[in-house]
Amino acid sequence: MYNFKRTKGQSTVEYAIVTAAVAGALLTPVPRSELIENTWLKDYQGKNVMTILNDRLKRAYNAYSYAKSLPPLPKTSR
């Protein structure tokens, strides 16, 4: 007979290992040598991916909210 309880426990261990690996990859600082080529990434040398992503999303939302707050363009008649 096949033991389903044991299989369920194995998938939990696999899930925990993959989740820990992804979290570790996102929280590990990016090496300085990886960020030399791109000009906008020079500000983020030595920071982790989550910090970079958080800052870029904040900047994008600030730009979006500023553009959204502008009054509409006036209609021109020709």
PDB file of N, CA and C in Angstrom:
ATOM      1  N   MET A   1       0.843  -1.172   0.000  1.00  0.00           N
ATOM      2  CA  MET A   1       0.000   0.000   0.000  1.00  0.00           C
ATOM      3  C   MET A   1       0.889   1.236   0.000  1.00  0.00           C
ATOM      4  N   TYR A   2       0.488   2.263  -0.731  1.00  0.00           N
ATOM      5  CA  TYR A   2       1.257   3.499  -0.863  1.00  0.00           C
ATOM      6  C   TYR A   2       0.948   4.428   0.298  1.00  0.00           C
ATOM      7  N   ASN A   3       1.965   4.993   0.926  1.00  0.00           N
ATOM      8  CA  ASN A   3       1.789   5.840   2.092  1.00  0.00           C
ATOM      9  C   ASN A   3       1.746   7.317   1.672  1.00  0.00           C
ATOM     10  N   PHE A   4       0.538   7.906   1.621  1.00  0.00           N
ATOM     11  CA  PHE A   4       0.372   9.288   1.178  1.00  0.00           C
ATOM     12  C   PHE A   4       0.875  10.298   2.210  1.00  0.00           C
ATOM     13  N   LYS A   5       0.820   9.951   3.465  1.00  0.00           N
ATOM     14  CA  LYS A   5       1.253  10.873   4.517  1.00  0.00           C
ATOM     15  C   LYS A   5       2.751  11.151   4.395  1.00  0.00           C
ATOM     16  N   ARG A   6       3.505  10.142   4.069  1.00  0.00           N
ATOM     17  CA  ARG A   6       4.949  10.301   3.928  1.00  0.00           C
ATOM     18  C   ARG A   6       5.278  11.159   2.708  1.00  0.00           C
ATOM     19  N   THR A   7       4.550  11.012   1.625  1.00  0.00           N
ATOM     20  CA  THR A   7       4.749  11.814   0.420  1.00  0.00           C
ATOM     21  C   THR A   7       4.409  13.277   0.692  1.00  0.00           C
ATOM     22  N   LYS A   8       3.376  13.509   1.457  1.00  0.00           N
ATOM     23  CA  LYS A   8       2.978  14.872   1.786  1.00  0.00           C
ATOM     24  C   LYS A   8       4.070  15.555   2.605  1.00  0.00           C
ATOM     25  N   GLY A   9       4.708  14.855   3.478  1.00  0.00           N
ATOM     26  CA  GLY A   9       5.792  15.409   4.271  1.00  0.00           C
ATOM     27  C   GLY A   9       7.009  15.738   3.415  1.00  0.00           C
ATOM     28  N   GLN A  10       7.257  14.942   2.387  1.00  0.00           N
ATOM     29  CA  GLN A  10       8.385  15.192   1.508  1.00  0.00           C
ATOM     30  C   GLN A  10       8.167  16.476   0.711  1.00  0.00           C
ATOM     31  N   SER A  11       6.964  16.705   0.245  1.00  0.00           N
ATOM     32  CA  SER A  11       6.702  17.920  -0.525  1.00  0.00           C
ATOM     33  C   SER A  11       6.826  19.166   0.351  1.00  0.00           C
ATOM     34  N   THR A  12       6.501  19.039   1.630  1.00  0.00           N
ATOM     35  CA  THR A  12       6.664  20.166   2.548  1.00  0.00           C
ATOM     36  C   THR A  12       8.136  20.527   2.700  1.00  0.00           C
ATOM     37  N   VAL A  13       8.993  19.525   2.803  1.00  0.00           N
ATOM     38  CA  VAL A  13      10.431  19.755   2.916  1.00  0.00           C
ATOM     39  C   VAL A  13      10.957  20.398   1.633  1.00  0.00           C
ATOM     40  N   GLU A  14      10.520  19.915   0.474  1.00  0.00           N
ATOM     41  CA  GLU A  14      10.952  20.486  -0.804  1.00  0.00           C
ATOM     42  C   GLU A  14      10.499  21.937  -0.919  1.00  0.00           C
ATOM     43  N   TYR A  15       9.279  22.210  -0.526  1.00  0.00           N
ATOM     44  CA  TYR A  15       8.757  23.577  -0.567  1.00  0.00           C
ATOM     45  C   TYR A  15       9.571  24.491   0.337  1.00  0.00           C
ATOM     46  N   ALA A  16       9.910  24.034   1.515  1.00  0.00           N
ATOM     47  CA  ALA A  16      10.697  24.831   2.456  1.00  0.00           C
ATOM     48  C   ALA A  16      12.089  25.116   1.909  1.00  0.00           C
ATOM     49  N   ILE A  17      12.704  24.140   1.272  1.00  0.00           N
ATOM     50  CA  ILE A  17      14.046  24.326   0.714  1.00  0.00           C
ATOM     51  C   ILE A  17      14.015  25.326  -0.433  1.00  0.00           C
ATOM     52  N   VAL A  18      13.050  25.200  -1.334  1.00  0.00           N
ATOM     53  CA  VAL A  18      12.948  26.126  -2.473  1.00  0.00           C
ATOM     54  C   VAL A  18      12.628  27.537  -1.985  1.00  0.00           C
ATOM     55  N   THR A  19      11.737  27.666  -1.026  1.00  0.00           N
ATOM     56  CA  THR A  19      11.389  28.983  -0.485  1.00  0.00           C
ATOM     57  C   THR A  19      12.600  29.630   0.179  1.00  0.00           C
ATOM     58  N   ALA A  20      13.360  28.869   0.924  1.00  0.00           N
ATOM     59  CA  ALA A  20      14.561  29.401   1.570  1.00  0.00           C
ATOM     60  C   ALA A  20      15.601  29.821   0.530  1.00  0.00           C
ATOM     61  N   ALA A  21      15.734  29.058  -0.538  1.00  0.00           N
ATOM     62  CA  ALA A  21      16.695  29.403  -1.589  1.00  0.00           C
ATOM     63  C   ALA A  21      16.303  30.690  -2.300  1.00  0.00           C
ATOM     64  N   VAL A  22      15.019  30.858  -2.607  1.00  0.00           N
ATOM     65  CA  VAL A  22      14.553  32.074  -3.275  1.00  0.00           C
ATOM     66  C   VAL A  22      14.707  33.283  -2.353  1.00  0.00           C
ATOM     67  N   ALA A  23      14.336  33.128  -1.099  1.00  0.00           N
ATOM     68  CA  ALA A  23      14.486  34.228  -0.141  1.00  0.00           C
ATOM     69  C   ALA A  23      15.954  34.601   0.025  1.00  0.00           C
ATOM     70  N   GLY A  24      16.815  33.614   0.088  1.00  0.00           N
ATOM     71  CA  GLY A  24      18.249  33.889   0.190  1.00  0.00           C
ATOM     72  C   GLY A  24      18.793  34.612  -1.026  1.00  0.00           C
ATOM     73  N   ALA A  25      18.318  34.225  -2.214  1.00  0.00           N
ATOM     74  CA  ALA A  25      18.772  34.888  -3.440  1.00  0.00           C
ATOM     75  C   ALA A  25      18.305  36.336  -3.492  1.00  0.00           C
ATOM     76  N   LEU A  26      17.101  36.602  -3.012  1.00  0.00           N
ATOM     77  CA  LEU A  26      16.574  37.963  -3.055  1.00  0.00           C
ATOM     78  C   LEU A  26      17.197  38.861  -1.989  1.00  0.00           C
ATOM     79  N   LEU A  27      17.642  38.302  -0.893  1.00  0.00           N
ATOM     80  CA  LEU A  27      18.172  39.098   0.206  1.00  0.00           C
ATOM     81  C   LEU A  27      19.697  39.176   0.230  1.00  0.00           C
ATOM     82  N   THR A  28      20.370  38.432  -0.633  1.00  0.00           N
ATOM     83  CA  THR A  28      21.820  38.486  -0.714  1.00  0.00           C
ATOM     84  C   THR A  28      22.227  39.742  -1.484  1.00  0.00           C
ATOM     85  N   PRO A  29      23.169  40.514  -0.969  1.00  0.00           N
ATOM     86  CA  PRO A  29      23.593  41.717  -1.694  1.00  0.00           C
ATOM     87  C   PRO A  29      24.158  41.380  -3.074  1.00  0.00           C
ATOM     88  N   VAL A  30      23.835  42.221  -4.032  1.00  0.00           N
ATOM     89  CA  VAL A  30      24.343  42.045  -5.389  1.00  0.00           C
ATOM     90  C   VAL A  30      25.809  42.465  -5.390  1.00  0.00           C
ATOM     91  N   PRO A  31      26.690  41.651  -5.975  1.00  0.00           N
ATOM     92  CA  PRO A  31      28.115  42.026  -5.996  1.00  0.00           C
ATOM     93  C   PRO A  31      28.332  43.337  -6.750  1.00  0.00           C
ATOM     94  N   ARG A  32      29.285  44.106  -6.290  1.00  0.00           N
ATOM     95  CA  ARG A  32      29.565  45.408  -6.921  1.00  0.00           C
ATOM     96  C   ARG A  32      29.976  45.252  -8.379  1.00  0.00           C
ATOM     97  N   SER A  33      30.655  44.172  -8.711  1.00  0.00           N
ATOM     98  CA  SER A  33      31.122  43.977 -10.084  1.00  0.00           C
ATOM     99  C   SER A  33      29.958  43.774 -11.058  1.00  0.00           C
ATOM    100  N   GLU A  34      28.818  43.314 -10.580  1.00  0.00           N
ATOM    101  CA  GLU A  34      27.661  43.091 -11.444  1.00  0.00           C
ATOM    102  C   GLU A  34      26.974  44.395 -11.837  1.00  0.00           C
ATOM    103  N   LEU A  35      27.199  45.460 -11.082  1.00  0.00           N
ATOM    104  CA  LEU A  35      26.460  46.696 -11.293  1.00  0.00           C
ATOM    105  C   LEU A  35      27.286  47.794 -11.953  1.00  0.00           C
ATOM    106  N   ILE A  36      28.457  47.483 -12.437  1.00  0.00           N
ATOM    107  CA  ILE A  36      29.334  48.504 -13.010  1.00  0.00           C
ATOM    108  C   ILE A  36      28.833  48.943 -14.389  1.00  0.00           C
ATOM    109  N   GLU A  37      28.331  48.032 -15.197  1.00  0.00           N
ATOM    110  CA  GLU A  37      27.988  48.328 -16.586  1.00  0.00           C
ATOM    111  C   GLU A  37      26.798  49.274 -16.720  1.00  0.00           C
ATOM    112  N   ASN A  38      25.759  49.100 -15.914  1.00  0.00           N
ATOM    113  CA  ASN A  38      24.552  49.915 -16.040  1.00  0.00           C
ATOM    114  C   ASN A  38      24.698  51.199 -15.245  1.00  0.00           C
ATOM    115  N   THR A  39      24.325  52.318 -15.856  1.00  0.00           N
ATOM    116  CA  THR A  39      24.505  53.595 -15.181  1.00  0.00           C
ATOM    117  C   THR A  39      23.492  53.796 -14.060  1.00  0.00           C
ATOM    118  N   TRP A  40      22.226  53.381 -14.234  1.00  0.00           N
ATOM    119  CA  TRP A  40      21.228  53.617 -13.183  1.00  0.00           C
ATOM    120  C   TRP A  40      21.395  52.678 -12.002  1.00  0.00           C
ATOM    121  N   LEU A  41      22.154  51.606 -12.171  1.00  0.00           N
ATOM    122  CA  LEU A  41      22.367  50.668 -11.065  1.00  0.00           C
ATOM    123  C   LEU A  41      23.546  51.043 -10.175  1.00  0.00           C
ATOM    124  N   LYS A  42      24.309  52.073 -10.542  1.00  0.00           N
ATOM    125  CA  LYS A  42      25.462  52.444  -9.722  1.00  0.00           C
ATOM    126  C   LYS A  42      25.043  52.896  -8.328  1.00  0.00           C
ATOM    127  N   ASP A  43      23.830  53.438  -8.195  1.00  0.00           N
ATOM    128  CA  ASP A  43      23.337  53.864  -6.882  1.00  0.00           C
ATOM    129  C   ASP A  43      23.053  52.693  -5.963  1.00  0.00           C
ATOM    130  N   TYR A  44      22.916  51.499  -6.504  1.00  0.00           N
ATOM    131  CA  TYR A  44      22.487  50.337  -5.733  1.00  0.00           C
ATOM    132  C   TYR A  44      23.618  49.353  -5.462  1.00  0.00           C
ATOM    133  N   GLN A  45      24.851  49.742  -5.606  1.00  0.00           N
ATOM    134  CA  GLN A  45      25.961  48.817  -5.384  1.00  0.00           C
ATOM    135  C   GLN A  45      25.971  48.322  -3.945  1.00  0.00           C
ATOM    136  N   GLY A  46      26.039  47.018  -3.780  1.00  0.00           N
ATOM    137  CA  GLY A  46      26.095  46.405  -2.463  1.00  0.00           C
ATOM    138  C   GLY A  46      24.740  46.210  -1.805  1.00  0.00           C
ATOM    139  N   LYS A  47      23.644  46.569  -2.474  1.00  0.00           N
ATOM    140  CA  LYS A  47      22.309  46.390  -1.895  1.00  0.00           C
ATOM    141  C   LYS A  47      21.679  45.131  -2.464  1.00  0.00           C
ATOM    142  N   ASN A  48      20.663  44.608  -1.761  1.00  0.00           N
ATOM    143  CA  ASN A  48      20.024  43.384  -2.233  1.00  0.00           C
ATOM    144  C   ASN A  48      18.901  43.688  -3.229  1.00  0.00           C
ATOM    145  N   VAL A  49      18.424  42.652  -3.886  1.00  0.00           N
ATOM    146  CA  VAL A  49      17.427  42.798  -4.939  1.00  0.00           C
ATOM    147  C   VAL A  49      16.121  43.372  -4.396  1.00  0.00           C
ATOM    148  N   MET A  50      15.732  42.994  -3.194  1.00  0.00           N
ATOM    149  CA  MET A  50      14.482  43.502  -2.627  1.00  0.00           C
ATOM    150  C   MET A  50      14.556  45.006  -2.393  1.00  0.00           C
ATOM    151  N   THR A  51      15.687  45.507  -1.949  1.00  0.00           N
ATOM    152  CA  THR A  51      15.858  46.948  -1.743  1.00  0.00           C
ATOM    153  C   THR A  51      15.799  47.689  -3.070  1.00  0.00           C
ATOM    154  N   ILE A  52      16.464  47.149  -4.079  1.00  0.00           N
ATOM    155  CA  ILE A  52      16.450  47.767  -5.406  1.00  0.00           C
ATOM    156  C   ILE A  52      15.039  47.781  -5.972  1.00  0.00           C
ATOM    157  N   LEU A  53      14.346  46.651  -5.883  1.00  0.00           N
ATOM    158  CA  LEU A  53      12.983  46.554  -6.400  1.00  0.00           C
ATOM    159  C   LEU A  53      12.039  47.490  -5.658  1.00  0.00           C
ATOM    160  N   ASN A  54      12.175  47.571  -4.357  1.00  0.00           N
ATOM    161  CA  ASN A  54      11.336  48.455  -3.554  1.00  0.00           C
ATOM    162  C   ASN A  54      11.541  49.917  -3.962  1.00  0.00           C
ATOM    163  N   ASP A  55      12.781  50.324  -4.121  1.00  0.00           N
ATOM    164  CA  ASP A  55      13.064  51.709  -4.504  1.00  0.00           C
ATOM    165  C   ASP A  55      12.550  52.014  -5.911  1.00  0.00           C
ATOM    166  N   ARG A  56      12.734  51.097  -6.838  1.00  0.00           N
ATOM    167  CA  ARG A  56      12.269  51.329  -8.214  1.00  0.00           C
ATOM    168  C   ARG A  56      10.745  51.402  -8.271  1.00  0.00           C
ATOM    169  N   LEU A  57      10.048  50.576  -7.508  1.00  0.00           N
ATOM    170  CA  LEU A  57       8.586  50.632  -7.482  1.00  0.00           C
ATOM    171  C   LEU A  57       8.093  51.940  -6.866  1.00  0.00           C
ATOM    172  N   LYS A  58       8.768  52.413  -5.813  1.00  0.00           N
ATOM    173  CA  LYS A  58       8.402  53.699  -5.209  1.00  0.00           C
ATOM    174  C   LYS A  58       8.573  54.835  -6.208  1.00  0.00           C
ATOM    175  N   ARG A  59       9.686  54.828  -6.928  1.00  0.00           N
ATOM    176  CA  ARG A  59       9.932  55.878  -7.919  1.00  0.00           C
ATOM    177  C   ARG A  59       8.897  55.832  -9.038  1.00  0.00           C
ATOM    178  N   ALA A  60       8.575  54.646  -9.499  1.00  0.00           N
ATOM    179  CA  ALA A  60       7.587  54.508 -10.573  1.00  0.00           C
ATOM    180  C   ALA A  60       6.219  54.980 -10.098  1.00  0.00           C
ATOM    181  N   TYR A  61       5.845  54.647  -8.883  1.00  0.00           N
ATOM    182  CA  TYR A  61       4.546  55.081  -8.371  1.00  0.00           C
ATOM    183  C   TYR A  61       4.515  56.588  -8.162  1.00  0.00           C
ATOM    184  N   ASN A  62       5.620  57.167  -7.692  1.00  0.00           N
ATOM    185  CA  ASN A  62       5.670  58.621  -7.544  1.00  0.00           C
ATOM    186  C   ASN A  62       5.502  59.320  -8.884  1.00  0.00           C
ATOM    187  N   ALA A  63       6.140  58.803  -9.922  1.00  0.00           N
ATOM    188  CA  ALA A  63       5.997  59.385 -11.255  1.00  0.00           C
ATOM    189  C   ALA A  63       4.563  59.228 -11.758  1.00  0.00           C
ATOM    190  N   TYR A  64       3.967  58.069 -11.514  1.00  0.00           N
ATOM    191  CA  TYR A  64       2.591  57.826 -11.941  1.00  0.00           C
ATOM    192  C   TYR A  64       1.619  58.755 -11.209  1.00  0.00           C
ATOM    193  N   SER A  65       1.771  58.889  -9.898  1.00  0.00           N
ATOM    194  CA  SER A  65       0.849  59.735  -9.143  1.00  0.00           C
ATOM    195  C   SER A  65       1.013  61.203  -9.516  1.00  0.00           C
ATOM    196  N   TYR A  66       2.233  61.633  -9.840  1.00  0.00           N
ATOM    197  CA  TYR A  66       2.439  63.009 -10.295  1.00  0.00           C
ATOM    198  C   TYR A  66       1.736  63.229 -11.635  1.00  0.00           C
ATOM    199  N   ALA A  67       1.914  62.307 -12.565  1.00  0.00           N
ATOM    200  CA  ALA A  67       1.280  62.442 -13.872  1.00  0.00           C
ATOM    201  C   ALA A  67      -0.243  62.402 -13.750  1.00  0.00           C
ATOM    202  N   LYS A  68      -0.740  61.606 -12.844  1.00  0.00           N
ATOM    203  CA  LYS A  68      -2.189  61.493 -12.643  1.00  0.00           C
ATOM    204  C   LYS A  68      -2.757  62.771 -12.017  1.00  0.00           C
ATOM    205  N   SER A  69      -1.955  63.497 -11.252  1.00  0.00           N
ATOM    206  CA  SER A  69      -2.452  64.693 -10.576  1.00  0.00           C
ATOM    207  C   SER A  69      -2.475  65.924 -11.480  1.00  0.00           C
ATOM    208  N   LEU A  70      -1.845  65.847 -12.632  1.00  0.00           N
ATOM    209  CA  LEU A  70      -1.823  66.993 -13.545  1.00  0.00           C
ATOM    210  C   LEU A  70      -3.224  67.232 -14.120  1.00  0.00           C
ATOM    211  N   PRO A  71      -3.580  68.490 -14.367  1.00  0.00           N
ATOM    212  CA  PRO A  71      -4.883  68.751 -14.970  1.00  0.00           C
ATOM    213  C   PRO A  71      -4.890  68.285 -16.425  1.00  0.00           C
ATOM    214  N   PRO A  72      -6.078  67.988 -16.957  1.00  0.00           N
ATOM    215  CA  PRO A  72      -6.134  67.560 -18.352  1.00  0.00           C
ATOM    216  C   PRO A  72      -5.740  68.688 -19.302  1.00  0.00           C
ATOM    217  N   LEU A  73      -5.277  68.335 -20.461  1.00  0.00           N
ATOM    218  CA  LEU A  73      -4.896  69.341 -21.449  1.00  0.00           C
ATOM    219  C   LEU A  73      -6.149  70.061 -21.966  1.00  0.00           C
ATOM    220  N   PRO A  74      -6.038  71.359 -22.223  1.00  0.00           N
ATOM    221  CA  PRO A  74      -7.201  72.073 -22.755  1.00  0.00           C
ATOM    222  C   PRO A  74      -7.477  71.660 -24.193  1.00  0.00           C
ATOM    223  N   LYS A  75      -8.720  71.678 -24.562  1.00  0.00           N
ATOM    224  CA  LYS A  75      -9.090  71.325 -25.929  1.00  0.00           C
ATOM    225  C   LYS A  75      -8.794  72.516 -26.839  1.00  0.00           C
ATOM    226  N   THR A  76      -8.213  72.217 -27.958  1.00  0.00           N
ATOM    227  CA  THR A  76      -7.919  73.284 -28.926  1.00  0.00           C
ATOM    228  C   THR A  76      -8.893  73.208 -30.084  1.00  0.00           C
ATOM    229  N   SER A  77      -9.288  74.339 -30.561  1.00  0.00           N
ATOM    230  CA  SER A  77     -10.211  74.348 -31.717  1.00  0.00           C
ATOM    231  C   SER A  77      -9.436  74.747 -32.952  1.00  0.00           C
ATOM    232  N   ARG A  78      -9.717  74.072 -34.024  1.00  0.00           N
ATOM    233  CA  ARG A  78      -9.040  74.371 -35.289  1.00  0.00           C
ATOM    234  C   ARG A  78     -10.018  74.821 -36.304  1.00  0.00           C
TER     235      ARG A  78
END
